[in-house]
C-alpha atoms as a PDB file:
ATOM      1  CA  MET A   1     -18.749   0.088 -68.716  1.00  0.00           C
ATOM      2  CA  LYS A   2     -20.034  -2.407 -66.196  1.00  0.00           C
ATOM      3  CA  THR A   3     -16.550  -3.898 -65.865  1.00  0.00           C
ATOM      4  CA  MET A   4     -15.036  -0.449 -65.192  1.00  0.00           C
ATOM      5  CA  LYS A   5     -17.652   0.314 -62.530  1.00  0.00           C
ATOM      6  CA  TRP A   6     -17.079  -3.021 -60.878  1.00  0.00           C
ATOM      7  CA  LYS A   7     -13.323  -2.370 -60.741  1.00  0.00           C
ATOM      8  CA  LYS A   8     -13.882   1.058 -59.173  1.00  0.00           C
ATOM      9  CA  TRP A   9     -16.089  -0.430 -56.486  1.00  0.00           C
ATOM     10  CA  LEU A  10     -13.527  -3.157 -55.849  1.00  0.00           C
ATOM     11  CA  VAL A  11     -10.678  -0.633 -55.408  1.00  0.00           C
ATOM     12  CA  ALA A  12     -12.834   1.532 -53.107  1.00  0.00           C
ATOM     13  CA  GLY A  13     -13.706  -1.533 -51.014  1.00  0.00           C
ATOM     14  CA  VAL A  14     -10.051  -2.511 -50.641  1.00  0.00           C
ATOM     15  CA  ILE A  15      -9.096   1.032 -49.545  1.00  0.00           C
ATOM     16  CA  LEU A  16     -11.977   1.173 -47.059  1.00  0.00           C
ATOM     17  CA  SER A  17     -11.028  -2.236 -45.621  1.00  0.00           C
ATOM     18  CA  SER A  18      -7.418  -1.153 -45.256  1.00  0.00           C
ATOM     19  CA  LEU A  19      -8.380   2.061 -43.457  1.00  0.00           C
ATOM     20  CA  THR A  20     -10.686   0.130 -41.119  1.00  0.00           C
ATOM     21  CA  ALA A  21      -7.969  -2.399 -40.345  1.00  0.00           C
ATOM     22  CA  CYS A  22      -5.471   0.360 -39.600  1.00  0.00           C
ATOM     23  CA  SER A  23      -7.835   2.217 -37.281  1.00  0.00           C
ATOM     24  CA  SER A  24      -8.770  -0.935 -35.368  1.00  0.00           C
ATOM     25  CA  SER A  25      -5.250  -2.315 -34.997  1.00  0.00           C
ATOM     26  CA  GLY A  26      -3.664   1.012 -34.039  1.00  0.00           C
ATOM     27  CA  SER A  27      -0.530   1.200 -31.947  1.00  0.00           C
ATOM     28  CA  GLY A  28       0.319   1.474 -28.259  1.00  0.00           C
ATOM     29  CA  SER A  29      -1.643   0.328 -25.210  1.00  0.00           C
ATOM     30  CA  ASN A  30      -5.112   1.423 -26.298  1.00  0.00           C
ATOM     31  CA  ALA A  31      -5.067  -0.968 -29.198  1.00  0.00           C
ATOM     32  CA  GLY A  32      -4.290  -4.048 -27.143  1.00  0.00           C
ATOM     33  CA  GLU A  33      -6.659  -3.326 -24.277  1.00  0.00           C
ATOM     34  CA  SER A  34      -9.650  -4.886 -26.040  1.00  0.00           C
ATOM     35  CA  ASP A  35      -7.576  -7.940 -27.007  1.00  0.00           C
ATOM     36  CA  TYR A  36      -6.083  -8.669 -23.573  1.00  0.00           C
ATOM     37  CA  PRO A  37      -6.630 -11.114 -22.006  1.00  0.00           C
ATOM     38  CA  LYS A  38      -7.135 -13.621 -24.818  1.00  0.00           C
ATOM     39  CA  LYS A  39      -6.315 -16.798 -22.864  1.00  0.00           C
ATOM     40  CA  PRO A  40      -6.343 -18.195 -19.292  1.00  0.00           C
ATOM     41  CA  ILE A  41      -4.328 -16.394 -16.603  1.00  0.00           C
ATOM     42  CA  THR A  42      -2.205 -18.008 -13.890  1.00  0.00           C
ATOM     43  CA  VAL A  43      -1.741 -16.356 -10.505  1.00  0.00           C
ATOM     44  CA  VAL A  44       1.249 -17.813  -8.688  1.00  0.00           C
ATOM     45  CA  ALA A  45       1.507 -18.071  -4.905  1.00  0.00           C
ATOM     46  CA  PRO A  46       5.244 -18.624  -4.274  1.00  0.00           C
ATOM     47  CA  SER A  47       4.448 -20.792  -1.246  1.00  0.00           C
ATOM     48  CA  GLY A  48       2.566 -23.906  -0.248  1.00  0.00           C
ATOM     49  CA  ALA A  49      -1.208 -24.054   0.106  1.00  0.00           C
ATOM     50  CA  GLY A  50      -2.910 -22.342   3.025  1.00  0.00           C
ATOM     51  CA  GLY A  51      -0.524 -19.464   3.692  1.00  0.00           C
ATOM     52  CA  GLY A  52      -1.144 -15.754   3.235  1.00  0.00           C
ATOM     53  CA  TRP A  53       0.153 -15.624  -0.337  1.00  0.00           C
ATOM     54  CA  ASP A  54      -1.940 -18.629  -1.326  1.00  0.00           C
ATOM     55  CA  LEU A  55      -5.121 -17.252   0.267  1.00  0.00           C
ATOM     56  CA  THR A  56      -4.594 -13.865  -1.379  1.00  0.00           C
ATOM     57  CA  ALA A  57      -4.062 -15.443  -4.808  1.00  0.00           C
ATOM     58  CA  ARG A  58      -7.194 -17.585  -4.437  1.00  0.00           C
ATOM     59  CA  SER A  59      -9.337 -14.709  -3.172  1.00  0.00           C
ATOM     60  CA  LEU A  60      -8.156 -12.474  -6.004  1.00  0.00           C
ATOM     61  CA  SER A  61      -8.869 -15.099  -8.670  1.00  0.00           C
ATOM     62  CA  LYS A  62     -12.231 -16.029  -7.153  1.00  0.00           C
ATOM     63  CA  ILE A  63     -13.639 -12.497  -6.956  1.00  0.00           C
ATOM     64  CA  LEU A  64     -12.346 -11.450 -10.384  1.00  0.00           C
ATOM     65  CA  GLY A  65     -14.013 -14.542 -11.857  1.00  0.00           C
ATOM     66  CA  GLU A  66     -17.289 -14.357  -9.945  1.00  0.00           C
ATOM     67  CA  THR A  67     -17.808 -10.680 -10.771  1.00  0.00           C
ATOM     68  CA  LYS A  68     -16.825 -11.230 -14.438  1.00  0.00           C
ATOM     69  CA  MET A  69     -14.230  -8.470 -14.158  1.00  0.00           C
ATOM     70  CA  VAL A  70     -12.005 -10.973 -15.943  1.00  0.00           C
ATOM     71  CA  ASP A  71     -13.694 -13.204 -18.522  1.00  0.00           C
ATOM     72  CA  GLN A  72     -10.823 -15.635 -18.910  1.00  0.00           C
ATOM     73  CA  THR A  73     -10.243 -18.557 -16.555  1.00  0.00           C
ATOM     74  CA  MET A  74      -7.906 -17.739 -13.664  1.00  0.00           C
ATOM     75  CA  THR A  75      -6.012 -20.536 -11.924  1.00  0.00           C
ATOM     76  CA  VAL A  76      -3.750 -20.478  -8.873  1.00  0.00           C
ATOM     77  CA  GLU A  77      -0.426 -22.278  -8.929  1.00  0.00           C
ATOM     78  CA  ASN A  78       1.700 -22.934  -5.827  1.00  0.00           C
ATOM     79  CA  LYS A  79       5.475 -22.624  -6.234  1.00  0.00           C
ATOM     80  CA  PRO A  80       7.055 -22.875  -2.762  1.00  0.00           C
ATOM     81  CA  GLY A  81      10.713 -22.443  -1.907  1.00  0.00           C
ATOM     82  CA  GLY A  82      13.057 -19.975  -0.236  1.00  0.00           C
ATOM     83  CA  GLY A  83      10.362 -17.661   1.061  1.00  0.00           C
ATOM     84  CA  GLY A  84       9.406 -16.758  -2.493  1.00  0.00           C
ATOM     85  CA  ALA A  85      12.982 -16.455  -3.776  1.00  0.00           C
ATOM     86  CA  VAL A  86      12.962 -19.684  -5.790  1.00  0.00           C
ATOM     87  CA  TYR A  87       9.950 -18.720  -7.872  1.00  0.00           C
ATOM     88  CA  LEU A  88      11.073 -15.103  -8.311  1.00  0.00           C
ATOM     89  CA  ALA A  89      14.288 -16.349  -9.935  1.00  0.00           C
ATOM     90  CA  GLU A  90      12.229 -18.435 -12.357  1.00  0.00           C
ATOM     91  CA  TYR A  91       9.804 -15.571 -12.994  1.00  0.00           C
ATOM     92  CA  ALA A  92      12.515 -12.975 -13.640  1.00  0.00           C
ATOM     93  CA  THR A  93      14.415 -15.177 -16.081  1.00  0.00           C
ATOM     94  CA  GLN A  94      11.824 -17.403 -17.787  1.00  0.00           C
ATOM     95  CA  HIS A  95       8.605 -15.379 -17.722  1.00  0.00           C
ATOM     96  CA  LYS A  96       9.730 -11.761 -18.041  1.00  0.00           C
ATOM     97  CA  LYS A  97       7.452 -11.173 -21.046  1.00  0.00           C
ATOM     98  CA  ASP A  98       4.571 -13.457 -20.059  1.00  0.00           C
ATOM     99  CA  ASP A  99       1.490 -11.223 -19.707  1.00  0.00           C
ATOM    100  CA  TYR A 100      -0.539 -14.227 -18.549  1.00  0.00           C
ATOM    101  CA  LYS A 101       1.421 -15.024 -15.386  1.00  0.00           C
ATOM    102  CA  LEU A 102       0.996 -12.843 -12.304  1.00  0.00           C
ATOM    103  CA  PHE A 103       2.218 -13.493  -8.785  1.00  0.00           C
ATOM    104  CA  ILE A 104       1.507 -12.450  -5.213  1.00  0.00           C
ATOM    105  CA  SER A 105       4.189 -11.244  -2.836  1.00  0.00           C
ATOM    106  CA  SER A 106       4.873  -9.225   0.331  1.00  0.00           C
ATOM    107  CA  PRO A 107       7.962  -7.795   2.139  1.00  0.00           C
ATOM    108  CA  PRO A 108      10.112 -10.943   1.627  1.00  0.00           C
ATOM    109  CA  ILE A 109      10.562  -9.836  -1.996  1.00  0.00           C
ATOM    110  CA  LEU A 110      12.613  -6.971  -0.533  1.00  0.00           C
ATOM    111  CA  ILE A 111      14.219  -8.871   2.342  1.00  0.00           C
ATOM    112  CA  ASN A 112      15.432 -11.840   0.265  1.00  0.00           C
ATOM    113  CA  ASN A 113      17.126  -9.480  -2.176  1.00  0.00           C
ATOM    114  CA  LEU A 114      18.895  -7.460   0.537  1.00  0.00           C
ATOM    115  CA  LYS A 115      20.056  -9.985   3.125  1.00  0.00           C
ATOM    116  CA  LYS A 116      23.422 -11.721   3.032  1.00  0.00           C
ATOM    117  CA  GLU A 117      22.504 -15.343   3.721  1.00  0.00           C
ATOM    118  CA  GLY A 118      20.045 -16.941   1.333  1.00  0.00           C
ATOM    119  CA  ASN A 119      20.358 -13.841  -0.803  1.00  0.00           C
ATOM    120  CA  SER A 120      18.309 -13.655  -3.984  1.00  0.00           C
ATOM    121  CA  PRO A 121      19.810 -11.692  -6.883  1.00  0.00           C
ATOM    122  CA  TYR A 122      16.254 -10.723  -7.852  1.00  0.00           C
ATOM    123  CA  GLY A 123      13.895  -8.219  -6.262  1.00  0.00           C
ATOM    124  CA  PHE A 124      10.843  -6.134  -7.028  1.00  0.00           C
ATOM    125  CA  LYS A 125      12.819  -4.186  -9.666  1.00  0.00           C
ATOM    126  CA  ASP A 126      12.793  -7.381 -11.746  1.00  0.00           C
ATOM    127  CA  THR A 127       8.984  -7.204 -11.912  1.00  0.00           C
ATOM    128  CA  THR A 128       6.195  -4.770 -12.756  1.00  0.00           C
ATOM    129  CA  PRO A 129       4.373  -3.832  -9.524  1.00  0.00           C
ATOM    130  CA  LEU A 130       0.659  -3.726 -10.414  1.00  0.00           C
ATOM    131  CA  ALA A 131      -1.091  -2.945  -7.107  1.00  0.00           C
ATOM    132  CA  GLN A 132      -0.949  -3.247  -3.349  1.00  0.00           C
ATOM    133  CA  LEU A 133      -4.158  -4.910  -2.157  1.00  0.00           C
ATOM    134  CA  THR A 134      -3.932  -5.384   1.610  1.00  0.00           C
ATOM    135  CA  LYS A 135      -2.047  -4.282   4.682  1.00  0.00           C
ATOM    136  CA  ASP A 136      -1.221  -5.856   8.009  1.00  0.00           C
ATOM    137  CA  PHE A 137       1.180  -4.863  10.750  1.00  0.00           C
ATOM    138  CA  GLY A 138       3.664  -6.407  13.104  1.00  0.00           C
ATOM    139  CA  ALA A 139       2.691  -7.029  16.720  1.00  0.00           C
ATOM    140  CA  ILE A 140       4.872  -7.469  19.800  1.00  0.00           C
ATOM    141  CA  VAL A 141       3.102 -10.036  21.975  1.00  0.00           C
ATOM    142  CA  VAL A 142       3.702 -11.468  25.468  1.00  0.00           C
ATOM    143  CA  LYS A 143       1.843 -14.022  27.585  1.00  0.00           C
ATOM    144  CA  GLU A 144      -1.116 -12.733  29.554  1.00  0.00           C
ATOM    145  CA  ASP A 145       0.727 -13.266  32.849  1.00  0.00           C
ATOM    146  CA  SER A 146       3.990 -11.689  31.621  1.00  0.00           C
ATOM    147  CA  LYS A 147       5.684  -9.188  33.919  1.00  0.00           C
ATOM    148  CA  TYR A 148       5.986  -6.834  30.954  1.00  0.00           C
ATOM    149  CA  ASN A 149       2.962  -4.565  30.621  1.00  0.00           C
ATOM    150  CA  ASN A 150       4.187  -2.164  27.970  1.00  0.00           C
ATOM    151  CA  LEU A 151       6.793  -1.939  25.249  1.00  0.00           C
ATOM    152  CA  LYS A 152       9.094   0.368  27.212  1.00  0.00           C
ATOM    153  CA  GLU A 153       9.356  -2.103  30.113  1.00  0.00           C
ATOM    154  CA  LEU A 154      10.238  -4.869  27.665  1.00  0.00           C
ATOM    155  CA  MET A 155      12.880  -2.783  25.878  1.00  0.00           C
ATOM    156  CA  ASP A 156      14.372  -1.672  29.210  1.00  0.00           C
ATOM    157  CA  ALA A 157      14.806  -5.344  30.134  1.00  0.00           C
ATOM    158  CA  VAL A 158      16.432  -6.117  26.777  1.00  0.00           C
ATOM    159  CA  LYS A 159      18.776  -3.157  27.182  1.00  0.00           C
ATOM    160  CA  LYS A 160      19.731  -4.174  30.724  1.00  0.00           C
ATOM    161  CA  ASP A 161      20.423  -7.841  29.971  1.00  0.00           C
ATOM    162  CA  PRO A 162      19.773  -8.962  26.385  1.00  0.00           C
ATOM    163  CA  LYS A 163      20.540 -12.622  27.115  1.00  0.00           C
ATOM    164  CA  SER A 164      17.789 -12.775  29.739  1.00  0.00           C
ATOM    165  CA  VAL A 165      15.005 -11.968  27.250  1.00  0.00           C
ATOM    166  CA  THR A 166      14.125 -14.344  24.419  1.00  0.00           C
ATOM    167  CA  ALA A 167      12.320 -13.090  21.323  1.00  0.00           C
ATOM    168  CA  ALA A 168      10.748 -15.464  18.813  1.00  0.00           C
ATOM    169  CA  GLY A 169       9.036 -15.385  15.465  1.00  0.00           C
ATOM    170  CA  GLY A 170       7.704 -17.575  12.708  1.00  0.00           C
ATOM    171  CA  SER A 171      10.416 -16.783  10.164  1.00  0.00           C
ATOM    172  CA  ALA A 172      14.145 -17.321   9.799  1.00  0.00           C
ATOM    173  CA  PRO A 173      16.780 -14.926  11.136  1.00  0.00           C
ATOM    174  CA  GLY A 174      16.885 -11.848   8.922  1.00  0.00           C
ATOM    175  CA  SER A 175      13.325 -12.428   7.729  1.00  0.00           C
ATOM    176  CA  MET A 176      10.161 -10.480   8.462  1.00  0.00           C
ATOM    177  CA  ASP A 177       9.304 -11.532  12.029  1.00  0.00           C
ATOM    178  CA  HIS A 178      12.921 -11.073  13.059  1.00  0.00           C
ATOM    179  CA  LEU A 179      12.983  -7.536  11.642  1.00  0.00           C
ATOM    180  CA  VAL A 180       9.738  -6.657  13.451  1.00  0.00           C
ATOM    181  CA  ALA A 181      11.130  -8.166  16.678  1.00  0.00           C
ATOM    182  CA  VAL A 182      14.267  -6.022  16.602  1.00  0.00           C
ATOM    183  CA  LEU A 183      12.701  -2.825  15.224  1.00  0.00           C
ATOM    184  CA  PRO A 184      11.703  -1.491  18.690  1.00  0.00           C
ATOM    185  CA  ALA A 185      15.196  -2.331  19.999  1.00  0.00           C
ATOM    186  CA  TYR A 186      16.862  -0.614  17.035  1.00  0.00           C
ATOM    187  CA  LYS A 187      14.804   2.518  17.700  1.00  0.00           C
ATOM    188  CA  SER A 188      15.596   2.319  21.453  1.00  0.00           C
ATOM    189  CA  ASP A 189      19.367   2.529  20.875  1.00  0.00           C
ATOM    190  CA  ILE A 190      19.823  -1.178  21.565  1.00  0.00           C
ATOM    191  CA  ASP A 191      22.201  -3.070  19.282  1.00  0.00           C
ATOM    192  CA  PRO A 192      19.829  -5.410  17.371  1.00  0.00           C
ATOM    193  CA  LYS A 193      22.606  -8.013  17.168  1.00  0.00           C
ATOM    194  CA  THR A 194      22.311  -8.472  20.952  1.00  0.00           C
ATOM    195  CA  VAL A 195      18.602  -9.372  20.785  1.00  0.00           C
ATOM    196  CA  LYS A 196      18.200 -13.109  21.419  1.00  0.00           C
ATOM    197  CA  TYR A 197      15.946 -14.315  18.595  1.00  0.00           C
ATOM    198  CA  VAL A 198      14.678 -17.879  18.094  1.00  0.00           C
ATOM    199  CA  SER A 199      12.995 -18.773  14.804  1.00  0.00           C
ATOM    200  CA  TYR A 200      10.070 -21.171  14.397  1.00  0.00           C
ATOM    201  CA  ASP A 201       8.401 -22.637  11.350  1.00  0.00           C
ATOM    202  CA  GLY A 202       5.455 -20.264  11.065  1.00  0.00           C
ATOM    203  CA  GLY A 203       3.495 -17.918  13.315  1.00  0.00           C
ATOM    204  CA  GLY A 204       1.448 -20.744  14.846  1.00  0.00           C
ATOM    205  CA  GLU A 205       4.559 -22.440  16.215  1.00  0.00           C
ATOM    206  CA  ALA A 206       5.890 -19.120  17.502  1.00  0.00           C
ATOM    207  CA  ILE A 207       2.667 -18.477  19.450  1.00  0.00           C
ATOM    208  CA  ALA A 208       2.803 -22.031  20.819  1.00  0.00           C
ATOM    209  CA  ALA A 209       6.370 -21.358  21.990  1.00  0.00           C
ATOM    210  CA  LEU A 210       5.239 -18.177  23.716  1.00  0.00           C
ATOM    211  CA  LEU A 211       2.305 -19.874  25.456  1.00  0.00           C
ATOM    212  CA  GLY A 212       4.564 -22.765  26.422  1.00  0.00           C
ATOM    213  CA  GLY A 213       7.019 -20.442  28.159  1.00  0.00           C
ATOM    214  CA  ASN A 214       9.807 -20.878  25.598  1.00  0.00           C
ATOM    215  CA  ALA A 215       9.886 -17.196  24.622  1.00  0.00           C
ATOM    216  CA  ASP A 216       9.400 -13.945  26.515  1.00  0.00           C
ATOM    217  CA  TYR A 217       7.877 -12.183  23.520  1.00  0.00           C
ATOM    218  CA  ILE A 218       7.134 -12.823  19.898  1.00  0.00           C
ATOM    219  CA  ALA A 219       6.808 -10.729  16.774  1.00  0.00           C
ATOM    220  CA  THR A 220       3.973 -11.804  14.521  1.00  0.00           C
ATOM    221  CA  ASP A 221       1.219 -10.469  12.252  1.00  0.00           C
ATOM    222  CA  ALA A 222      -1.329  -8.319  14.084  1.00  0.00           C
ATOM    223  CA  SER A 223      -4.147 -10.090  12.257  1.00  0.00           C
ATOM    224  CA  ALA A 224      -3.065 -13.411  13.796  1.00  0.00           C
ATOM    225  CA  VAL A 225      -3.361 -12.480  17.485  1.00  0.00           C
ATOM    226  CA  GLY A 226      -6.970 -11.333  17.915  1.00  0.00           C
ATOM    227  CA  GLU A 227      -8.344 -14.742  18.938  1.00  0.00           C
ATOM    228  CA  TYR A 228      -5.594 -15.244  21.540  1.00  0.00           C
ATOM    229  CA  LEU A 229      -6.197 -11.760  22.925  1.00  0.00           C
ATOM    230  CA  LYS A 230      -9.948 -12.378  23.199  1.00  0.00           C
ATOM    231  CA  ALA A 231      -9.284 -15.700  24.914  1.00  0.00           C
ATOM    232  CA  GLY A 232      -7.157 -13.923  27.538  1.00  0.00           C
ATOM    233  CA  LYS A 233      -3.993 -15.835  26.613  1.00  0.00           C
ATOM    234  CA  VAL A 234      -1.797 -12.909  25.530  1.00  0.00           C
ATOM    235  CA  LYS A 235      -1.128  -9.200  25.888  1.00  0.00           C
ATOM    236  CA  VAL A 236      -0.235  -7.167  22.819  1.00  0.00           C
ATOM    237  CA  LEU A 237       2.265  -4.473  23.781  1.00  0.00           C
ATOM    238  CA  GLY A 238       2.420  -2.634  20.487  1.00  0.00           C
ATOM    239  CA  ILE A 239       1.437  -2.585  16.826  1.00  0.00           C
ATOM    240  CA  SER A 240       3.692  -1.301  14.018  1.00  0.00           C
ATOM    241  CA  SER A 241       0.904   0.768  12.447  1.00  0.00           C
ATOM    242  CA  THR A 242       0.808   4.559  12.238  1.00  0.00           C
ATOM    243  CA  GLU A 243      -2.591   4.694  13.939  1.00  0.00           C
ATOM    244  CA  ARG A 244      -4.640   2.390  16.162  1.00  0.00           C
ATOM    245  CA  LEU A 245      -6.424  -0.530  14.596  1.00  0.00           C
ATOM    246  CA  LYS A 246     -10.091  -1.366  14.977  1.00  0.00           C
ATOM    247  CA  GLY A 247     -11.802  -4.421  16.405  1.00  0.00           C
ATOM    248  CA  ASP A 248     -10.037  -6.682  18.898  1.00  0.00           C
ATOM    249  CA  LEU A 249      -6.849  -4.584  18.843  1.00  0.00           C
ATOM    250  CA  ALA A 250      -8.506  -1.171  19.294  1.00  0.00           C
ATOM    251  CA  ASP A 251      -6.988  -0.728  22.770  1.00  0.00           C
ATOM    252  CA  VAL A 252      -3.450  -1.668  21.722  1.00  0.00           C
ATOM    253  CA  PRO A 253      -1.036   1.276  21.330  1.00  0.00           C
ATOM    254  CA  THR A 254       1.020   1.828  18.226  1.00  0.00           C
ATOM    255  CA  PHE A 255       4.798   1.667  18.554  1.00  0.00           C
ATOM    256  CA  LYS A 256       4.848   5.473  18.459  1.00  0.00           C
ATOM    257  CA  GLU A 257       2.263   5.724  21.232  1.00  0.00           C
ATOM    258  CA  ALA A 258       4.430   3.355  23.243  1.00  0.00           C
ATOM    259  CA  GLY A 259       7.425   5.675  22.793  1.00  0.00           C
ATOM    260  CA  ILE A 260       9.088   3.872  19.854  1.00  0.00           C
ATOM    261  CA  ASP A 261       9.388   6.095  16.788  1.00  0.00           C
ATOM    262  CA  ALA A 262       8.832   3.397  14.178  1.00  0.00           C
ATOM    263  CA  ASP A 263       6.226   1.759  11.961  1.00  0.00           C
ATOM    264  CA  PHE A 264       6.240  -1.133   9.510  1.00  0.00           C
ATOM    265  CA  THR A 265       3.579  -2.257   7.039  1.00  0.00           C
ATOM    266  CA  ILE A 266       3.193  -5.913   6.097  1.00  0.00           C
ATOM    267  CA  TRP A 267       1.538  -5.631   2.703  1.00  0.00           C
ATOM    268  CA  ARG A 268       0.428  -8.026   0.010  1.00  0.00           C
ATOM    269  CA  GLY A 269       0.396  -7.074  -3.635  1.00  0.00           C
ATOM    270  CA  VAL A 270       0.149  -8.245  -7.230  1.00  0.00           C
ATOM    271  CA  PHE A 271       3.091  -8.231  -9.619  1.00  0.00           C
ATOM    272  CA  GLY A 272       3.506  -8.769 -13.337  1.00  0.00           C
ATOM    273  CA  PRO A 273       6.639  -9.585 -15.358  1.00  0.00           C
ATOM    274  CA  LYS A 274       9.304  -6.929 -15.852  1.00  0.00           C
ATOM    275  CA  GLU A 275       8.629  -6.583 -19.570  1.00  0.00           C
ATOM    276  CA  MET A 276       4.833  -6.735 -19.347  1.00  0.00           C
ATOM    277  CA  SER A 277       3.132  -5.157 -22.358  1.00  0.00           C
ATOM    278  CA  ASP A 278       1.562  -1.716 -22.071  1.00  0.00           C
ATOM    279  CA  SER A 279      -1.849  -3.151 -22.900  1.00  0.00           C
ATOM    280  CA  ALA A 280      -1.646  -5.740 -20.097  1.00  0.00           C
ATOM    281  CA  VAL A 281      -0.459  -3.136 -17.570  1.00  0.00           C
ATOM    282  CA  ALA A 282      -3.333  -0.835 -18.564  1.00  0.00           C
ATOM    283  CA  HIS A 283      -5.816  -3.691 -18.232  1.00  0.00           C
ATOM    284  CA  TRP A 284      -4.681  -4.648 -14.733  1.00  0.00           C
ATOM    285  CA  GLU A 285      -4.451  -1.039 -13.592  1.00  0.00           C
ATOM    286  CA  LYS A 286      -8.102  -0.550 -14.472  1.00  0.00           C
ATOM    287  CA  THR A 287      -9.286  -3.995 -13.320  1.00  0.00           C
ATOM    288  CA  LEU A 288      -7.543  -4.018  -9.931  1.00  0.00           C
ATOM    289  CA  LYS A 289      -8.833  -0.533  -9.131  1.00  0.00           C
ATOM    290  CA  LYS A 290     -12.338  -1.728  -9.988  1.00  0.00           C
ATOM    291  CA  LEU A 291     -11.788  -4.831  -7.824  1.00  0.00           C
ATOM    292  CA  ASN A 292     -10.749  -2.725  -4.830  1.00  0.00           C
ATOM    293  CA  GLU A 293     -13.896  -0.593  -5.154  1.00  0.00           C
ATOM    294  CA  SER A 294     -16.240  -3.592  -5.356  1.00  0.00           C
ATOM    295  CA  LYS A 295     -18.422  -4.754  -2.480  1.00  0.00           C
ATOM    296  CA  GLU A 296     -17.503  -8.366  -3.268  1.00  0.00           C
ATOM    297  CA  TRP A 297     -13.811  -7.697  -2.633  1.00  0.00           C
ATOM    298  CA  GLN A 298     -14.482  -5.705   0.531  1.00  0.00           C
ATOM    299  CA  ASP A 299     -16.596  -8.606   1.827  1.00  0.00           C
ATOM    300  CA  GLU A 300     -13.775 -11.020   0.994  1.00  0.00           C
ATOM    301  CA  LEU A 301     -11.291  -8.888   2.917  1.00  0.00           C
ATOM    302  CA  GLU A 302     -13.579  -8.896   5.942  1.00  0.00           C
ATOM    303  CA  ARG A 303     -14.038 -12.684   5.774  1.00  0.00           C
ATOM    304  CA  ASN A 304     -10.274 -13.138   5.865  1.00  0.00           C
ATOM    305  CA  GLY A 305      -9.614 -10.495   8.513  1.00  0.00           C
ATOM    306  CA  TRP A 306      -7.556  -8.406   6.073  1.00  0.00           C
ATOM    307  CA  GLU A 307      -7.398  -4.629   5.866  1.00  0.00           C
ATOM    308  CA  ALA A 308      -7.731  -2.969   2.487  1.00  0.00           C
ATOM    309  CA  GLU A 309      -4.885  -0.777   1.323  1.00  0.00           C
ATOM    310  CA  PHE A 310      -4.949  -0.063  -2.382  1.00  0.00           C
ATOM    311  CA  LYS A 311      -2.044   1.538  -4.199  1.00  0.00           C
ATOM    312  CA  ASP A 312      -1.868   1.579  -7.976  1.00  0.00           C
ATOM    313  CA  GLY A 313       1.308   0.518  -9.741  1.00  0.00           C
ATOM    314  CA  ARG A 314       3.093   3.875  -9.543  1.00  0.00           C
ATOM    315  CA  GLU A 315       2.195   4.505  -5.887  1.00  0.00           C
ATOM    316  CA  PHE A 316       3.100   0.925  -5.024  1.00  0.00           C
ATOM    317  CA  GLU A 317       6.520   1.201  -6.656  1.00  0.00           C
ATOM    318  CA  THR A 318       7.298   4.412  -4.728  1.00  0.00           C
ATOM    319  CA  PHE A 319       6.236   2.733  -1.468  1.00  0.00           C
ATOM    320  CA  LEU A 320       8.423  -0.312  -2.220  1.00  0.00           C
ATOM    321  CA  LYS A 321      11.479   1.902  -2.743  1.00  0.00           C
ATOM    322  CA  ASP A 322      10.874   3.565   0.641  1.00  0.00           C
ATOM    323  CA  GLN A 323      10.380   0.271   2.486  1.00  0.00           C
ATOM    324  CA  GLU A 324      13.450  -1.166   0.790  1.00  0.00           C
ATOM    325  CA  LYS A 325      15.552   1.515   2.531  1.00  0.00           C
ATOM    326  CA  GLN A 326      13.974   0.675   5.894  1.00  0.00           C
ATOM    327  CA  VAL A 327      14.648  -3.061   5.453  1.00  0.00           C
ATOM    328  CA  GLU A 328      18.228  -2.383   4.364  1.00  0.00           C
ATOM    329  CA  ASP A 329      18.872  -0.260   7.493  1.00  0.00           C
ATOM    330  CA  LEU A 330      17.536  -3.018   9.771  1.00  0.00           C
ATOM    331  CA  LEU A 331      19.587  -5.712   8.046  1.00  0.00           C
ATOM    332  CA  LYS A 332      22.708  -3.541   8.309  1.00  0.00           C
ATOM    333  CA  SER A 333      22.062  -3.099  12.031  1.00  0.00           C
ATOM    334  CA  LEU A 334      21.970  -6.903  12.337  1.00  0.00           C
ATOM    335  CA  GLY A 335      25.078  -7.352  10.199  1.00  0.00           C
ATOM    336  CA  MET A 336      22.953  -9.401   7.807  1.00  0.00           C
ATOM    337  CA  ASN A 337      22.924  -7.188   4.719  1.00  0.00           C
ATOM    338  CA  LYS A 338      24.621  -8.372   1.542  1.00  0.00           C
END
């Protein structure tokens, strides 16, 4: 009798263990959420150290670690080349299922995929957009003693004699600064191909060219011009935002206020691999939303002079599709689309 009882208890224990295992393992994203992440995470900045992508990746990793929103170690890896195109090719082909490798990007992920020269066969559709974190805007800037006092005067001069007005920016022809430089012309019925654009290696060199008298105006990030404006070295004729900014640029009109019906957002966001697991997507959706709502992240944004603009993965993807059309139109107008 004792042997029979023991066998019954053994069978019951096996059944109970099996049921418990089934309920805990489950299926779908809910099951994996508690398991992910199980190992260190790499955040890739597809650029050298010190740039906007690098700073965003380091700020993201730092705050997620310090607040314990992510328990695993997070490291930043720099992978420069081709304005982000070199790493995206590697990411889309070699890491498309790697839940533990994220990367930071901005509008060049659209531009590189759409332009003719230096074209990348890969774009945001070869990734999983996880969240937009920040926003910045383009600025049209002239020297403080420039004869141009508003955007309309500048565009009138370009229309009258394009060769007499030199625009400059810190990115190659067909890249972001160039698109911002020609956007007001495009919307003023000026052929963007006639705009004389000179490219420099970064926004700092473009500002130096402006101050040195080698350019009549530059297109650059709005967040980069505040110190020059305060120092009385430049005038900012317009910002590509939909409404006026705060702080040093509070008195600067938007393009629309200046009579140019256009806007352009320079965003930074986080991406995962195209075939990211449901559990990893769910984890980052929840974690990045929590990050955006935290005081620590808001303080970090302020320290860096960044503006918060949070969009979850679905909103971000819709926004990217819309901006992709805008970028394609500008590149077509320049004859630089693929």
